[in-house]
N, C-alpha and C. Protein backbone atom coordinates (compact mmCIF):
# COMPACT_ATOMS: atom_id res chain seq x y z
N MET A 1 94.59 114.48 108.74
CA MET A 1 94.31 115.89 108.74
C MET A 1 93.06 116.14 107.90
N SER A 2 92.12 116.89 108.44
CA SER A 2 90.90 117.21 107.69
C SER A 2 90.85 118.70 107.42
N SER A 3 89.91 119.11 106.57
CA SER A 3 89.80 120.53 106.23
C SER A 3 89.28 121.35 107.40
N THR A 4 88.82 120.70 108.47
CA THR A 4 88.37 121.47 109.63
C THR A 4 89.52 121.77 110.60
N ASP A 5 90.69 121.16 110.41
CA ASP A 5 91.80 121.34 111.34
C ASP A 5 92.20 122.80 111.50
N GLY A 6 92.23 123.56 110.44
CA GLY A 6 92.60 124.96 110.54
C GLY A 6 91.44 125.87 110.80
N VAL A 7 90.23 125.41 110.55
CA VAL A 7 89.04 126.24 110.69
C VAL A 7 88.45 126.14 112.10
N GLY A 8 88.41 124.94 112.64
CA GLY A 8 87.80 124.73 113.96
C GLY A 8 88.35 125.63 115.05
N PRO A 9 89.67 125.78 115.17
CA PRO A 9 90.24 126.61 116.22
C PRO A 9 90.07 128.12 116.00
N ALA A 10 89.66 128.52 114.82
CA ALA A 10 89.51 129.96 114.55
C ALA A 10 88.51 130.58 115.51
N SER A 11 88.75 131.82 115.86
CA SER A 11 87.84 132.51 116.77
C SER A 11 86.85 133.41 116.04
N THR A 12 86.93 133.45 114.72
CA THR A 12 86.05 134.29 113.93
C THR A 12 84.82 133.50 113.48
N PRO A 13 83.70 134.17 113.24
CA PRO A 13 82.51 133.45 112.79
C PRO A 13 82.60 133.00 111.34
N TYR A 14 83.47 133.61 110.55
CA TYR A 14 83.60 133.29 109.13
C TYR A 14 85.07 133.06 108.82
N VAL A 15 85.35 132.17 107.87
CA VAL A 15 86.73 131.88 107.46
C VAL A 15 86.80 131.91 105.94
N ALA A 16 87.77 132.65 105.42
CA ALA A 16 87.97 132.76 103.97
C ALA A 16 89.16 131.90 103.56
N PHE A 17 89.08 131.34 102.37
CA PHE A 17 90.14 130.51 101.82
C PHE A 17 90.77 131.22 100.63
N ALA A 18 92.06 130.97 100.42
CA ALA A 18 92.79 131.49 99.27
C ALA A 18 93.91 130.51 98.95
N ASP A 19 94.39 130.54 97.72
CA ASP A 19 95.53 129.74 97.30
C ASP A 19 96.79 130.61 97.32
N ASP A 20 97.91 130.00 96.98
CA ASP A 20 99.17 130.75 96.94
C ASP A 20 99.20 131.77 95.80
N ASP A 21 98.29 131.64 94.85
CA ASP A 21 98.26 132.58 93.74
C ASP A 21 96.91 133.32 93.65
N SER A 22 96.21 133.40 94.77
CA SER A 22 94.94 134.13 94.79
C SER A 22 94.89 135.01 96.03
N TRP A 23 94.02 135.98 96.00
CA TRP A 23 93.87 136.89 97.14
C TRP A 23 92.49 137.53 97.07
N TRP A 24 92.09 138.07 98.19
CA TRP A 24 90.82 138.78 98.28
C TRP A 24 91.10 140.26 98.07
N ALA A 25 90.35 140.89 97.22
CA ALA A 25 90.54 142.32 96.93
C ALA A 25 90.27 143.14 98.19
N PRO A 26 90.88 144.31 98.28
CA PRO A 26 90.62 145.18 99.44
C PRO A 26 89.11 145.42 99.61
N GLY A 27 88.63 145.21 100.81
CA GLY A 27 87.22 145.41 101.14
C GLY A 27 86.34 144.19 100.90
N ALA A 28 86.83 143.20 100.15
CA ALA A 28 86.01 142.04 99.79
C ALA A 28 85.66 141.19 101.01
N LEU A 29 86.61 141.01 101.92
CA LEU A 29 86.33 140.18 103.11
C LEU A 29 85.25 140.82 103.98
N GLN A 30 85.32 142.13 104.15
CA GLN A 30 84.30 142.81 104.95
C GLN A 30 82.94 142.73 104.27
N ARG A 31 82.92 142.90 102.96
CA ARG A 31 81.65 142.80 102.22
C ARG A 31 81.05 141.41 102.37
N ALA A 32 81.89 140.38 102.26
CA ALA A 32 81.42 139.00 102.40
C ALA A 32 80.90 138.77 103.82
N ALA A 33 81.64 139.24 104.82
CA ALA A 33 81.19 139.08 106.22
C ALA A 33 79.86 139.80 106.44
N ASP A 34 79.69 140.96 105.83
CA ASP A 34 78.42 141.69 105.96
C ASP A 34 77.27 140.88 105.36
N LEU A 35 77.51 140.21 104.23
CA LEU A 35 76.48 139.38 103.61
C LEU A 35 76.09 138.22 104.53
N PHE A 36 77.07 137.60 105.16
CA PHE A 36 76.78 136.53 106.13
C PHE A 36 75.97 137.09 107.29
N GLY A 37 76.32 138.27 107.74
CA GLY A 37 75.67 138.86 108.91
C GLY A 37 74.18 139.05 108.77
N VAL A 38 73.72 139.27 107.56
CA VAL A 38 72.29 139.51 107.34
C VAL A 38 71.58 138.32 106.70
N ARG A 39 72.32 137.22 106.52
CA ARG A 39 71.74 136.01 105.91
C ARG A 39 72.11 134.79 106.74
N PRO A 40 71.37 134.55 107.81
CA PRO A 40 71.73 133.48 108.74
C PRO A 40 71.70 132.08 108.14
N ARG A 41 71.03 131.88 107.03
CA ARG A 41 70.95 130.56 106.40
C ARG A 41 72.14 130.27 105.48
N MET A 42 72.89 131.31 105.14
CA MET A 42 74.01 131.15 104.21
C MET A 42 75.19 130.49 104.92
N GLY A 43 75.69 129.40 104.34
CA GLY A 43 76.82 128.69 104.92
C GLY A 43 78.12 128.89 104.18
N LEU A 44 78.03 129.24 102.89
CA LEU A 44 79.23 129.43 102.07
C LEU A 44 78.96 130.52 101.05
N LEU A 45 79.95 131.36 100.85
CA LEU A 45 79.89 132.37 99.82
C LEU A 45 80.98 132.06 98.81
N ALA A 46 80.61 131.94 97.54
CA ALA A 46 81.56 131.75 96.45
C ALA A 46 81.80 133.12 95.83
N ALA A 47 83.01 133.63 95.98
CA ALA A 47 83.34 134.97 95.52
C ALA A 47 83.55 135.02 94.01
N ARG A 48 83.44 136.23 93.46
CA ARG A 48 83.80 136.44 92.05
C ARG A 48 85.30 136.22 91.91
N ILE A 49 85.69 135.63 90.79
CA ILE A 49 87.10 135.39 90.51
C ILE A 49 87.48 136.19 89.27
N LEU A 50 88.40 137.12 89.46
CA LEU A 50 88.88 137.95 88.36
C LEU A 50 90.28 137.48 87.98
N VAL A 51 90.54 137.30 86.67
CA VAL A 51 91.80 136.71 86.22
C VAL A 51 92.47 137.53 85.13
N GLY A 52 93.77 137.30 85.02
CA GLY A 52 94.56 137.87 83.95
C GLY A 52 94.85 139.34 84.11
N SER A 53 95.73 139.81 83.25
CA SER A 53 96.09 141.23 83.29
C SER A 53 94.91 142.11 82.88
N GLU A 54 93.93 141.49 82.19
CA GLU A 54 92.72 142.22 81.80
C GLU A 54 91.72 142.32 82.95
N ILE A 55 91.94 141.54 84.00
CA ILE A 55 91.06 141.48 85.17
C ILE A 55 89.62 141.21 84.73
N VAL A 56 89.42 140.06 84.10
CA VAL A 56 88.10 139.65 83.61
C VAL A 56 87.53 138.54 84.49
N LEU A 57 86.22 138.43 84.47
CA LEU A 57 85.54 137.40 85.25
C LEU A 57 85.89 136.02 84.72
N ASP A 58 86.32 135.14 85.61
CA ASP A 58 86.67 133.76 85.24
C ASP A 58 85.44 133.07 84.66
N PRO A 59 85.60 132.29 83.59
CA PRO A 59 84.46 131.59 82.98
C PRO A 59 83.69 130.71 83.96
N VAL A 60 84.35 130.16 84.97
CA VAL A 60 83.64 129.33 85.94
C VAL A 60 82.59 130.14 86.69
N CYS A 61 82.83 131.43 86.87
CA CYS A 61 81.85 132.28 87.54
C CYS A 61 80.59 132.43 86.70
N HIS A 62 80.77 132.50 85.38
CA HIS A 62 79.60 132.55 84.49
C HIS A 62 78.79 131.27 84.63
N GLN A 63 79.47 130.12 84.70
CA GLN A 63 78.79 128.84 84.86
C GLN A 63 78.04 128.79 86.19
N MET A 64 78.69 129.21 87.26
CA MET A 64 78.04 129.18 88.58
C MET A 64 76.84 130.12 88.60
N GLY A 65 76.94 131.24 87.91
CA GLY A 65 75.84 132.19 87.86
C GLY A 65 74.60 131.64 87.18
N ARG A 66 74.79 130.61 86.34
CA ARG A 66 73.66 129.98 85.65
C ARG A 66 73.24 128.67 86.34
N SER A 67 73.49 128.55 87.61
CA SER A 67 73.19 127.32 88.35
C SER A 67 71.74 126.89 88.15
N VAL A 68 71.57 125.59 87.92
CA VAL A 68 70.22 125.05 87.74
C VAL A 68 69.41 125.05 89.04
N LEU A 69 70.09 125.29 90.16
CA LEU A 69 69.39 125.32 91.44
C LEU A 69 68.64 126.62 91.68
N GLY A 70 68.93 127.63 90.87
CA GLY A 70 68.22 128.90 90.98
C GLY A 70 68.66 129.73 92.17
N ARG A 71 67.86 130.76 92.44
CA ARG A 71 68.19 131.73 93.49
C ARG A 71 67.07 131.78 94.53
N ALA A 72 67.44 131.57 95.78
CA ALA A 72 66.49 131.72 96.88
C ALA A 72 66.41 133.20 97.24
N ALA A 73 65.24 133.66 97.62
CA ALA A 73 65.03 135.07 97.91
C ALA A 73 65.91 135.58 99.05
N ASP A 74 66.29 134.70 99.98
CA ASP A 74 67.06 135.15 101.13
C ASP A 74 68.57 134.99 100.97
N LEU A 75 69.03 134.68 99.76
CA LEU A 75 70.46 134.52 99.51
C LEU A 75 70.92 135.51 98.45
N PRO A 76 72.20 135.91 98.48
CA PRO A 76 72.67 136.96 97.57
C PRO A 76 72.95 136.49 96.14
N GLY A 77 72.96 135.19 95.91
CA GLY A 77 73.24 134.66 94.57
C GLY A 77 72.64 133.29 94.43
N PRO A 78 72.98 132.60 93.34
CA PRO A 78 72.40 131.28 93.12
C PRO A 78 72.93 130.23 94.10
N SER A 79 72.13 129.22 94.36
CA SER A 79 72.60 128.07 95.13
C SER A 79 73.49 127.26 94.20
N LEU A 80 74.56 126.67 94.75
CA LEU A 80 75.56 126.02 93.91
C LEU A 80 75.76 124.56 94.29
N LEU A 81 76.13 123.78 93.28
CA LEU A 81 76.53 122.39 93.50
C LEU A 81 78.05 122.29 93.66
N GLY A 82 78.77 123.28 93.19
CA GLY A 82 80.23 123.28 93.27
C GLY A 82 80.75 124.70 93.32
N PHE A 83 82.01 124.85 93.69
CA PHE A 83 82.63 126.16 93.82
C PHE A 83 84.13 125.96 93.87
N LEU A 84 84.88 127.04 93.74
CA LEU A 84 86.33 126.99 93.87
C LEU A 84 86.69 127.36 95.31
N ALA A 85 87.33 126.44 96.00
CA ALA A 85 87.64 126.66 97.42
C ALA A 85 88.55 127.87 97.62
N CYS A 86 89.39 128.19 96.63
CA CYS A 86 90.31 129.32 96.78
C CYS A 86 89.60 130.66 96.76
N ALA A 87 88.32 130.67 96.51
CA ALA A 87 87.55 131.91 96.48
C ALA A 87 86.25 131.73 97.27
N ALA A 88 86.37 131.07 98.41
CA ALA A 88 85.18 130.80 99.22
C ALA A 88 85.37 131.31 100.64
N MET A 89 84.28 131.76 101.21
CA MET A 89 84.23 132.08 102.63
C MET A 89 83.12 131.22 103.23
N VAL A 90 83.37 130.65 104.40
CA VAL A 90 82.38 129.79 105.05
C VAL A 90 81.99 130.34 106.41
N ARG A 91 80.78 129.97 106.82
CA ARG A 91 80.36 130.21 108.20
C ARG A 91 81.02 129.09 109.01
N ARG A 92 81.95 129.45 109.89
CA ARG A 92 82.78 128.47 110.60
C ARG A 92 81.95 127.41 111.31
N GLU A 93 80.92 127.81 112.00
CA GLU A 93 80.09 126.86 112.76
C GLU A 93 79.45 125.81 111.84
N ALA A 94 78.91 126.25 110.71
CA ALA A 94 78.27 125.33 109.76
C ALA A 94 79.32 124.42 109.10
N PHE A 95 80.46 125.00 108.74
CA PHE A 95 81.54 124.26 108.10
C PHE A 95 82.01 123.11 109.00
N CYS A 96 82.24 123.41 110.26
CA CYS A 96 82.70 122.39 111.21
C CYS A 96 81.60 121.36 111.50
N ALA A 97 80.34 121.81 111.53
CA ALA A 97 79.23 120.90 111.83
C ALA A 97 79.08 119.81 110.77
N VAL A 98 79.44 120.12 109.53
CA VAL A 98 79.33 119.11 108.46
C VAL A 98 80.66 118.40 108.19
N GLY A 99 81.67 118.68 108.99
CA GLY A 99 82.96 118.01 108.83
C GLY A 99 83.87 118.62 107.80
N GLY A 100 83.63 119.86 107.41
CA GLY A 100 84.49 120.54 106.45
C GLY A 100 84.19 120.16 105.02
N PHE A 101 85.17 120.40 104.16
CA PHE A 101 85.02 120.06 102.75
C PHE A 101 85.02 118.55 102.57
N GLU A 102 84.34 118.10 101.56
CA GLU A 102 84.35 116.70 101.18
C GLU A 102 85.78 116.31 100.81
N GLU A 103 86.13 115.06 100.98
CA GLU A 103 87.49 114.60 100.70
C GLU A 103 87.92 114.85 99.26
N VAL A 104 86.98 114.99 98.33
CA VAL A 104 87.32 115.24 96.94
C VAL A 104 88.02 116.59 96.78
N VAL A 105 87.79 117.52 97.72
CA VAL A 105 88.50 118.79 97.71
C VAL A 105 89.88 118.53 98.28
N ARG A 106 90.89 118.69 97.43
CA ARG A 106 92.24 118.32 97.84
C ARG A 106 93.02 119.53 98.31
N PHE A 107 93.87 119.29 99.29
CA PHE A 107 94.80 120.27 99.77
C PHE A 107 96.19 119.65 99.63
N PRO A 108 96.88 119.89 98.49
CA PRO A 108 98.13 119.19 98.20
C PRO A 108 99.18 119.27 99.30
N GLY A 109 99.21 120.30 100.10
CA GLY A 109 100.24 120.43 101.12
C GLY A 109 99.96 119.67 102.39
N LYS A 110 98.76 119.08 102.52
CA LYS A 110 98.43 118.41 103.79
C LYS A 110 99.09 117.04 103.88
N LYS A 111 99.35 116.61 105.10
CA LYS A 111 99.99 115.30 105.33
C LYS A 111 98.95 114.24 105.57
């Protein structure tokens, strides 16, 4: 089983991921899809992650925001070397073309 098994058959141009303890805030999926719609080069969007009862930005988001790869003018944020899959949306066509996530990204429930 690969990470493209659930994404390939999708009929939508974009696919969002979440864990059993994460979710996309109301309106966030549409906002992410809108960003993809106007940025044809973007293959993955790493969403903001808000945590705790205080609803604060996860420290990993601060790290990603300081990416050494910088920001391309045609993308909404910095280019990244890593991201949290539970807060990512991908362009389905690009995701499938590269064979999905690298094997290092684990999906504990897969067989």
